[in-house]
Amino acid sequence: MSPIEALAMESQEQHRRYYELYGTNPVRGDGLRELATYSRQLGQQASDIRDEVVALDFSTEVIPSFAAATRFDPRPFR
């Protein structure tokens, strides 16, 4: 068998394995896009909730507890 024939046979075998794994409709990554979109939406919701909480203009009695509870928040307390 020549190197060209061996390459052609290996290529056909690779395609066969690919279709065995994925079928005729290969994975397009839509699930990852949906997950990324959901993650961005969830992050935006958390940011919106935080902004609403901060906008409540806490009394001075509540601020130390809020600051301690959100100490790992990358955004500083206003």
PDB file of N, CA and C in Angstrom:
ATOM      1  N   MET A   1       0.853  -1.169   0.000  1.00  0.00           N
ATOM      2  CA  MET A   1       0.000   0.000   0.000  1.00  0.00           C
ATOM      3  C   MET A   1       0.907   1.243   0.000  1.00  0.00           C
ATOM      4  N   SER A   2       0.606   2.182  -0.863  1.00  0.00           N
ATOM      5  CA  SER A   2       1.410   3.393  -0.971  1.00  0.00           C
ATOM      6  C   SER A   2       1.054   4.363   0.166  1.00  0.00           C
ATOM      7  N   PRO A   3       1.930   5.304   0.440  1.00  0.00           N
ATOM      8  CA  PRO A   3       1.636   6.293   1.485  1.00  0.00           C
ATOM      9  C   PRO A   3       0.363   7.096   1.200  1.00  0.00           C
ATOM     10  N   ILE A   4       0.102   7.380  -0.055  1.00  0.00           N
ATOM     11  CA  ILE A   4      -1.118   8.117  -0.425  1.00  0.00           C
ATOM     12  C   ILE A   4      -2.357   7.283  -0.116  1.00  0.00           C
ATOM     13  N   GLU A   5      -2.312   5.999  -0.469  1.00  0.00           N
ATOM     14  CA  GLU A   5      -3.450   5.121  -0.169  1.00  0.00           C
ATOM     15  C   GLU A   5      -3.648   4.994   1.337  1.00  0.00           C
ATOM     16  N   ALA A   6      -2.559   4.868   2.089  1.00  0.00           N
ATOM     17  CA  ALA A   6      -2.651   4.769   3.554  1.00  0.00           C
ATOM     18  C   ALA A   6      -3.253   6.043   4.134  1.00  0.00           C
ATOM     19  N   LEU A   7      -2.865   7.198   3.612  1.00  0.00           N
ATOM     20  CA  LEU A   7      -3.416   8.474   4.071  1.00  0.00           C
ATOM     21  C   LEU A   7      -4.913   8.558   3.761  1.00  0.00           C
ATOM     22  N   ALA A   8      -5.290   8.127   2.567  1.00  0.00           N
ATOM     23  CA  ALA A   8      -6.700   8.147   2.188  1.00  0.00           C
ATOM     24  C   ALA A   8      -7.517   7.217   3.081  1.00  0.00           C
ATOM     25  N   MET A   9      -6.993   6.043   3.375  1.00  0.00           N
ATOM     26  CA  MET A   9      -7.712   5.101   4.239  1.00  0.00           C
ATOM     27  C   MET A   9      -7.824   5.653   5.659  1.00  0.00           C
ATOM     28  N   GLU A  10      -6.758   6.259   6.175  1.00  0.00           N
ATOM     29  CA  GLU A  10      -6.801   6.837   7.523  1.00  0.00           C
ATOM     30  C   GLU A  10      -7.785   7.991   7.579  1.00  0.00           C
ATOM     31  N   SER A  11      -7.837   8.784   6.517  1.00  0.00           N
ATOM     32  CA  SER A  11      -8.784   9.889   6.452  1.00  0.00           C
ATOM     33  C   SER A  11     -10.226   9.368   6.472  1.00  0.00           C
ATOM     34  N   GLN A  12     -10.491   8.322   5.708  1.00  0.00           N
ATOM     35  CA  GLN A  12     -11.828   7.732   5.697  1.00  0.00           C
ATOM     36  C   GLN A  12     -12.182   7.160   7.068  1.00  0.00           C
ATOM     37  N   GLU A  13     -11.213   6.548   7.720  1.00  0.00           N
ATOM     38  CA  GLU A  13     -11.440   6.003   9.058  1.00  0.00           C
ATOM     39  C   GLU A  13     -11.725   7.131  10.054  1.00  0.00           C
ATOM     40  N   GLN A  14     -11.016   8.227   9.925  1.00  0.00           N
ATOM     41  CA  GLN A  14     -11.242   9.361  10.805  1.00  0.00           C
ATOM     42  C   GLN A  14     -12.658   9.916  10.606  1.00  0.00           C
ATOM     43  N   HIS A  15     -13.081  10.039   9.362  1.00  0.00           N
ATOM     44  CA  HIS A  15     -14.444  10.504   9.079  1.00  0.00           C
ATOM     45  C   HIS A  15     -15.475   9.526   9.630  1.00  0.00           C
ATOM     46  N   ARG A  16     -15.221   8.245   9.500  1.00  0.00           N
ATOM     47  CA  ARG A  16     -16.155   7.247  10.030  1.00  0.00           C
ATOM     48  C   ARG A  16     -16.288   7.398  11.541  1.00  0.00           C
ATOM     49  N   ARG A  17     -15.148   7.556  12.236  1.00  0.00           N
ATOM     50  CA  ARG A  17     -15.187   7.728  13.703  1.00  0.00           C
ATOM     51  C   ARG A  17     -15.915   9.013  14.078  1.00  0.00           C
ATOM     52  N   TYR A  18     -15.682  10.074  13.311  1.00  0.00           N
ATOM     53  CA  TYR A  18     -16.338  11.353  13.567  1.00  0.00           C
ATOM     54  C   TYR A  18     -17.853  11.199  13.473  1.00  0.00           C
ATOM     55  N   TYR A  19     -18.329  10.588  12.385  1.00  0.00           N
ATOM     56  CA  TYR A  19     -19.771  10.414  12.219  1.00  0.00           C
ATOM     57  C   TYR A  19     -20.343   9.435  13.230  1.00  0.00           C
ATOM     58  N   GLU A  20     -19.546   8.485  13.675  1.00  0.00           N
ATOM     59  CA  GLU A  20     -19.980   7.560  14.717  1.00  0.00           C
ATOM     60  C   GLU A  20     -20.196   8.324  16.030  1.00  0.00           C
ATOM     61  N   LEU A  21     -19.328   9.282  16.300  1.00  0.00           N
ATOM     62  CA  LEU A  21     -19.452  10.080  17.523  1.00  0.00           C
ATOM     63  C   LEU A  21     -20.545  11.134  17.429  1.00  0.00           C
ATOM     64  N   TYR A  22     -20.593  11.873  16.313  1.00  0.00           N
ATOM     65  CA  TYR A  22     -21.458  13.044  16.217  1.00  0.00           C
ATOM     66  C   TYR A  22     -22.631  12.906  15.256  1.00  0.00           C
ATOM     67  N   GLY A  23     -22.658  11.889  14.447  1.00  0.00           N
ATOM     68  CA  GLY A  23     -23.743  11.742  13.481  1.00  0.00           C
ATOM     69  C   GLY A  23     -23.592  12.741  12.341  1.00  0.00           C
ATOM     70  N   THR A  24     -24.670  12.952  11.623  1.00  0.00           N
ATOM     71  CA  THR A  24     -24.601  13.857  10.476  1.00  0.00           C
ATOM     72  C   THR A  24     -24.783  15.314  10.886  1.00  0.00           C
ATOM     73  N   ASN A  25     -25.208  15.569  12.134  1.00  0.00           N
ATOM     74  CA  ASN A  25     -25.365  16.931  12.642  1.00  0.00           C
ATOM     75  C   ASN A  25     -24.366  17.156  13.778  1.00  0.00           C
ATOM     76  N   PRO A  26     -23.171  17.603  13.450  1.00  0.00           N
ATOM     77  CA  PRO A  26     -22.155  17.765  14.491  1.00  0.00           C
ATOM     78  C   PRO A  26     -22.540  18.837  15.509  1.00  0.00           C
ATOM     79  N   VAL A  27     -21.939  18.744  16.634  1.00  0.00           N
ATOM     80  CA  VAL A  27     -22.185  19.707  17.699  1.00  0.00           C
ATOM     81  C   VAL A  27     -21.720  21.082  17.240  1.00  0.00           C
ATOM     82  N   ARG A  28     -22.577  22.086  17.437  1.00  0.00           N
ATOM     83  CA  ARG A  28     -22.245  23.432  16.984  1.00  0.00           C
ATOM     84  C   ARG A  28     -21.825  24.340  18.129  1.00  0.00           C
ATOM     85  N   GLY A  29     -21.963  23.907  19.368  1.00  0.00           N
ATOM     86  CA  GLY A  29     -21.603  24.758  20.487  1.00  0.00           C
ATOM     87  C   GLY A  29     -22.732  25.629  20.985  1.00  0.00           C
ATOM     88  N   ASP A  30     -23.954  25.371  20.512  1.00  0.00           N
ATOM     89  CA  ASP A  30     -25.096  26.175  20.953  1.00  0.00           C
ATOM     90  C   ASP A  30     -25.305  26.078  22.455  1.00  0.00           C
ATOM     91  N   GLY A  31     -25.073  24.914  23.017  1.00  0.00           N
ATOM     92  CA  GLY A  31     -25.254  24.741  24.457  1.00  0.00           C
ATOM     93  C   GLY A  31     -24.307  25.624  25.249  1.00  0.00           C
ATOM     94  N   LEU A  32     -23.062  25.753  24.775  1.00  0.00           N
ATOM     95  CA  LEU A  32     -22.108  26.622  25.452  1.00  0.00           C
ATOM     96  C   LEU A  32     -22.499  28.087  25.292  1.00  0.00           C
ATOM     97  N   ARG A  33     -23.015  28.456  24.134  1.00  0.00           N
ATOM     98  CA  ARG A  33     -23.477  29.833  23.933  1.00  0.00           C
ATOM     99  C   ARG A  33     -24.650  30.143  24.855  1.00  0.00           C
ATOM    100  N   GLU A  34     -25.576  29.196  24.981  1.00  0.00           N
ATOM    101  CA  GLU A  34     -26.716  29.395  25.878  1.00  0.00           C
ATOM    102  C   GLU A  34     -26.248  29.542  27.320  1.00  0.00           C
ATOM    103  N   LEU A  35     -25.287  28.725  27.718  1.00  0.00           N
ATOM    104  CA  LEU A  35     -24.750  28.799  29.069  1.00  0.00           C
ATOM    105  C   LEU A  35     -24.056  30.143  29.309  1.00  0.00           C
ATOM    106  N   ALA A  36     -23.300  30.617  28.338  1.00  0.00           N
ATOM    107  CA  ALA A  36     -22.626  31.915  28.470  1.00  0.00           C
ATOM    108  C   ALA A  36     -23.642  33.046  28.566  1.00  0.00           C
ATOM    109  N   THR A  37     -24.688  32.988  27.748  1.00  0.00           N
ATOM    110  CA  THR A  37     -25.739  34.009  27.793  1.00  0.00           C
ATOM    111  C   THR A  37     -26.429  34.002  29.143  1.00  0.00           C
ATOM    112  N   TYR A  38     -26.761  32.806  29.632  1.00  0.00           N
ATOM    113  CA  TYR A  38     -27.409  32.683  30.943  1.00  0.00           C
ATOM    114  C   TYR A  38     -26.496  33.222  32.042  1.00  0.00           C
ATOM    115  N   SER A  39     -25.207  32.926  31.967  1.00  0.00           N
ATOM    116  CA  SER A  39     -24.259  33.405  32.975  1.00  0.00           C
ATOM    117  C   SER A  39     -24.182  34.928  32.969  1.00  0.00           C
ATOM    118  N   ARG A  40     -24.152  35.519  31.776  1.00  0.00           N
ATOM    119  CA  ARG A  40     -24.128  36.991  31.699  1.00  0.00           C
ATOM    120  C   ARG A  40     -25.402  37.585  32.273  1.00  0.00           C
ATOM    121  N   GLN A  41     -26.542  36.977  31.957  1.00  0.00           N
ATOM    122  CA  GLN A  41     -27.812  37.478  32.482  1.00  0.00           C
ATOM    123  C   GLN A  41     -27.853  37.371  34.002  1.00  0.00           C
ATOM    124  N   LEU A  42     -27.381  36.256  34.521  1.00  0.00           N
ATOM    125  CA  LEU A  42     -27.364  36.055  35.963  1.00  0.00           C
ATOM    126  C   LEU A  42     -26.435  37.065  36.636  1.00  0.00           C
ATOM    127  N   GLY A  43     -25.282  37.312  36.049  1.00  0.00           N
ATOM    128  CA  GLY A  43     -24.359  38.312  36.582  1.00  0.00           C
ATOM    129  C   GLY A  43     -24.973  39.698  36.560  1.00  0.00           C
ATOM    130  N   GLN A  44     -25.690  40.012  35.496  1.00  0.00           N
ATOM    131  CA  GLN A  44     -26.351  41.317  35.405  1.00  0.00           C
ATOM    132  C   GLN A  44     -27.449  41.431  36.452  1.00  0.00           C
ATOM    133  N   GLN A  45     -28.202  40.359  36.678  1.00  0.00           N
ATOM    134  CA  GLN A  45     -29.242  40.371  37.710  1.00  0.00           C
ATOM    135  C   GLN A  45     -28.631  40.610  39.081  1.00  0.00           C
ATOM    136  N   ALA A  46     -27.521  39.950  39.370  1.00  0.00           N
ATOM    137  CA  ALA A  46     -26.851  40.131  40.664  1.00  0.00           C
ATOM    138  C   ALA A  46     -26.381  41.571  40.811  1.00  0.00           C
ATOM    139  N   SER A  47     -25.843  42.134  39.749  1.00  0.00           N
ATOM    140  CA  SER A  47     -25.398  43.523  39.788  1.00  0.00           C
ATOM    141  C   SER A  47     -26.571  44.477  39.995  1.00  0.00           C
ATOM    142  N   ASP A  48     -27.675  44.212  39.305  1.00  0.00           N
ATOM    143  CA  ASP A  48     -28.866  45.051  39.454  1.00  0.00           C
ATOM    144  C   ASP A  48     -29.409  44.989  40.879  1.00  0.00           C
ATOM    145  N   ILE A  49     -29.457  43.789  41.442  1.00  0.00           N
ATOM    146  CA  ILE A  49     -29.950  43.629  42.815  1.00  0.00           C
ATOM    147  C   ILE A  49     -29.042  44.371  43.786  1.00  0.00           C
ATOM    148  N   ARG A  50     -27.737  44.246  43.580  1.00  0.00           N
ATOM    149  CA  ARG A  50     -26.794  44.946  44.455  1.00  0.00           C
ATOM    150  C   ARG A  50     -27.013  46.445  44.377  1.00  0.00           C
ATOM    151  N   ASP A  51     -27.163  46.973  43.158  1.00  0.00           N
ATOM    152  CA  ASP A  51     -27.395  48.408  42.992  1.00  0.00           C
ATOM    153  C   ASP A  51     -28.687  48.843  43.680  1.00  0.00           C
ATOM    154  N   GLU A  52     -29.729  48.010  43.594  1.00  0.00           N
ATOM    155  CA  GLU A  52     -30.993  48.332  44.254  1.00  0.00           C
ATOM    156  C   GLU A  52     -30.832  48.340  45.773  1.00  0.00           C
ATOM    157  N   VAL A  53     -30.090  47.390  46.284  1.00  0.00           N
ATOM    158  CA  VAL A  53     -29.868  47.320  47.725  1.00  0.00           C
ATOM    159  C   VAL A  53     -29.087  48.543  48.197  1.00  0.00           C
ATOM    160  N   VAL A  54     -28.035  48.897  47.463  1.00  0.00           N
ATOM    161  CA  VAL A  54     -27.238  50.061  47.836  1.00  0.00           C
ATOM    162  C   VAL A  54     -28.080  51.337  47.747  1.00  0.00           C
ATOM    163  N   ALA A  55     -28.969  51.411  46.756  1.00  0.00           N
ATOM    164  CA  ALA A  55     -29.812  52.592  46.572  1.00  0.00           C
ATOM    165  C   ALA A  55     -30.833  52.761  47.691  1.00  0.00           C
ATOM    166  N   LEU A  56     -31.033  51.743  48.515  1.00  0.00           N
ATOM    167  CA  LEU A  56     -31.984  51.864  49.626  1.00  0.00           C
ATOM    168  C   LEU A  56     -31.491  52.837  50.688  1.00  0.00           C
ATOM    169  N   ASP A  57     -30.217  53.218  50.597  1.00  0.00           N
ATOM    170  CA  ASP A  57     -29.631  54.187  51.519  1.00  0.00           C
ATOM    171  C   ASP A  57     -29.794  53.697  52.962  1.00  0.00           C
ATOM    172  N   PHE A  58     -29.036  52.669  53.284  1.00  0.00           N
ATOM    173  CA  PHE A  58     -29.088  52.046  54.606  1.00  0.00           C
ATOM    174  C   PHE A  58     -28.893  53.038  55.740  1.00  0.00           C
ATOM    175  N   SER A  59     -29.428  52.654  56.869  1.00  0.00           N
ATOM    176  CA  SER A  59     -29.105  53.413  58.078  1.00  0.00           C
ATOM    177  C   SER A  59     -27.683  53.044  58.487  1.00  0.00           C
ATOM    178  N   THR A  60     -27.082  53.820  59.330  1.00  0.00           N
ATOM    179  CA  THR A  60     -25.712  53.561  59.757  1.00  0.00           C
ATOM    180  C   THR A  60     -25.600  52.276  60.568  1.00  0.00           C
ATOM    181  N   GLU A  61     -26.692  51.759  61.085  1.00  0.00           N
ATOM    182  CA  GLU A  61     -26.682  50.511  61.845  1.00  0.00           C
ATOM    183  C   GLU A  61     -26.506  49.303  60.928  1.00  0.00           C
ATOM    184  N   VAL A  62     -26.960  49.391  59.705  1.00  0.00           N
ATOM    185  CA  VAL A  62     -26.945  48.258  58.785  1.00  0.00           C
ATOM    186  C   VAL A  62     -25.660  48.199  57.968  1.00  0.00           C
ATOM    187  N   ILE A  63     -25.050  49.336  57.719  1.00  0.00           N
ATOM    188  CA  ILE A  63     -23.886  49.403  56.826  1.00  0.00           C
ATOM    189  C   ILE A  63     -22.750  48.463  57.243  1.00  0.00           C
ATOM    190  N   PRO A  64     -22.343  48.383  58.522  1.00  0.00           N
ATOM    191  CA  PRO A  64     -21.251  47.462  58.868  1.00  0.00           C
ATOM    192  C   PRO A  64     -21.568  46.003  58.543  1.00  0.00           C
ATOM    193  N   SER A  65     -22.796  45.572  58.776  1.00  0.00           N
ATOM    194  CA  SER A  65     -23.181  44.186  58.457  1.00  0.00           C
ATOM    195  C   SER A  65     -23.157  43.941  56.952  1.00  0.00           C
ATOM    196  N   PHE A  66     -23.662  44.916  56.192  1.00  0.00           N
ATOM    197  CA  PHE A  66     -23.670  44.774  54.741  1.00  0.00           C
ATOM    198  C   PHE A  66     -22.240  44.742  54.210  1.00  0.00           C
ATOM    199  N   ALA A  67     -21.399  45.611  54.706  1.00  0.00           N
ATOM    200  CA  ALA A  67     -20.003  45.653  54.261  1.00  0.00           C
ATOM    201  C   ALA A  67     -19.296  44.338  54.584  1.00  0.00           C
ATOM    202  N   ALA A  68     -19.572  43.770  55.761  1.00  0.00           N
ATOM    203  CA  ALA A  68     -18.943  42.495  56.126  1.00  0.00           C
ATOM    204  C   ALA A  68     -19.458  41.361  55.241  1.00  0.00           C
ATOM    205  N   ALA A  69     -20.747  41.379  54.935  1.00  0.00           N
ATOM    206  CA  ALA A  69     -21.344  40.305  54.121  1.00  0.00           C
ATOM    207  C   ALA A  69     -20.869  40.364  52.677  1.00  0.00           C
ATOM    208  N   THR A  70     -20.491  41.538  52.217  1.00  0.00           N
ATOM    209  CA  THR A  70     -20.076  41.690  50.814  1.00  0.00           C
ATOM    210  C   THR A  70     -18.591  41.995  50.695  1.00  0.00           C
ATOM    211  N   ARG A  71     -17.795  41.609  51.668  1.00  0.00           N
ATOM    212  CA  ARG A  71     -16.371  41.957  51.667  1.00  0.00           C
ATOM    213  C   ARG A  71     -15.612  41.344  50.493  1.00  0.00           C
ATOM    214  N   PHE A  72     -16.124  40.247  49.912  1.00  0.00           N
ATOM    215  CA  PHE A  72     -15.439  39.626  48.773  1.00  0.00           C
ATOM    216  C   PHE A  72     -15.966  40.149  47.446  1.00  0.00           C
ATOM    217  N   ASP A  73     -16.901  41.048  47.489  1.00  0.00           N
ATOM    218  CA  ASP A  73     -17.460  41.640  46.283  1.00  0.00           C
ATOM    219  C   ASP A  73     -16.375  42.492  45.622  1.00  0.00           C
ATOM    220  N   PRO A  74     -16.111  42.294  44.325  1.00  0.00           N
ATOM    221  CA  PRO A  74     -15.051  43.071  43.672  1.00  0.00           C
ATOM    222  C   PRO A  74     -15.392  44.557  43.525  1.00  0.00           C
ATOM    223  N   ARG A  75     -16.676  44.889  43.632  1.00  0.00           N
ATOM    224  CA  ARG A  75     -17.075  46.290  43.526  1.00  0.00           C
ATOM    225  C   ARG A  75     -17.139  46.896  44.921  1.00  0.00           C
ATOM    226  N   PRO A  76     -16.539  48.033  45.129  1.00  0.00           N
ATOM    227  CA  PRO A  76     -16.553  48.635  46.468  1.00  0.00           C
ATOM    228  C   PRO A  76     -17.928  49.160  46.842  1.00  0.00           C
ATOM    229  N   PHE A  77     -18.176  49.193  48.138  1.00  0.00           N
ATOM    230  CA  PHE A  77     -19.404  49.792  48.642  1.00  0.00           C
ATOM    231  C   PHE A  77     -19.318  51.297  48.440  1.00  0.00           C
ATOM    232  N   ARG A  78     -20.383  51.913  47.999  1.00  0.00           N
ATOM    233  CA  ARG A  78     -20.332  53.340  47.708  1.00  0.00           C
ATOM    234  C   ARG A  78     -20.318  54.169  48.955  1.00  0.00           C
TER     235      ARG A  78
END
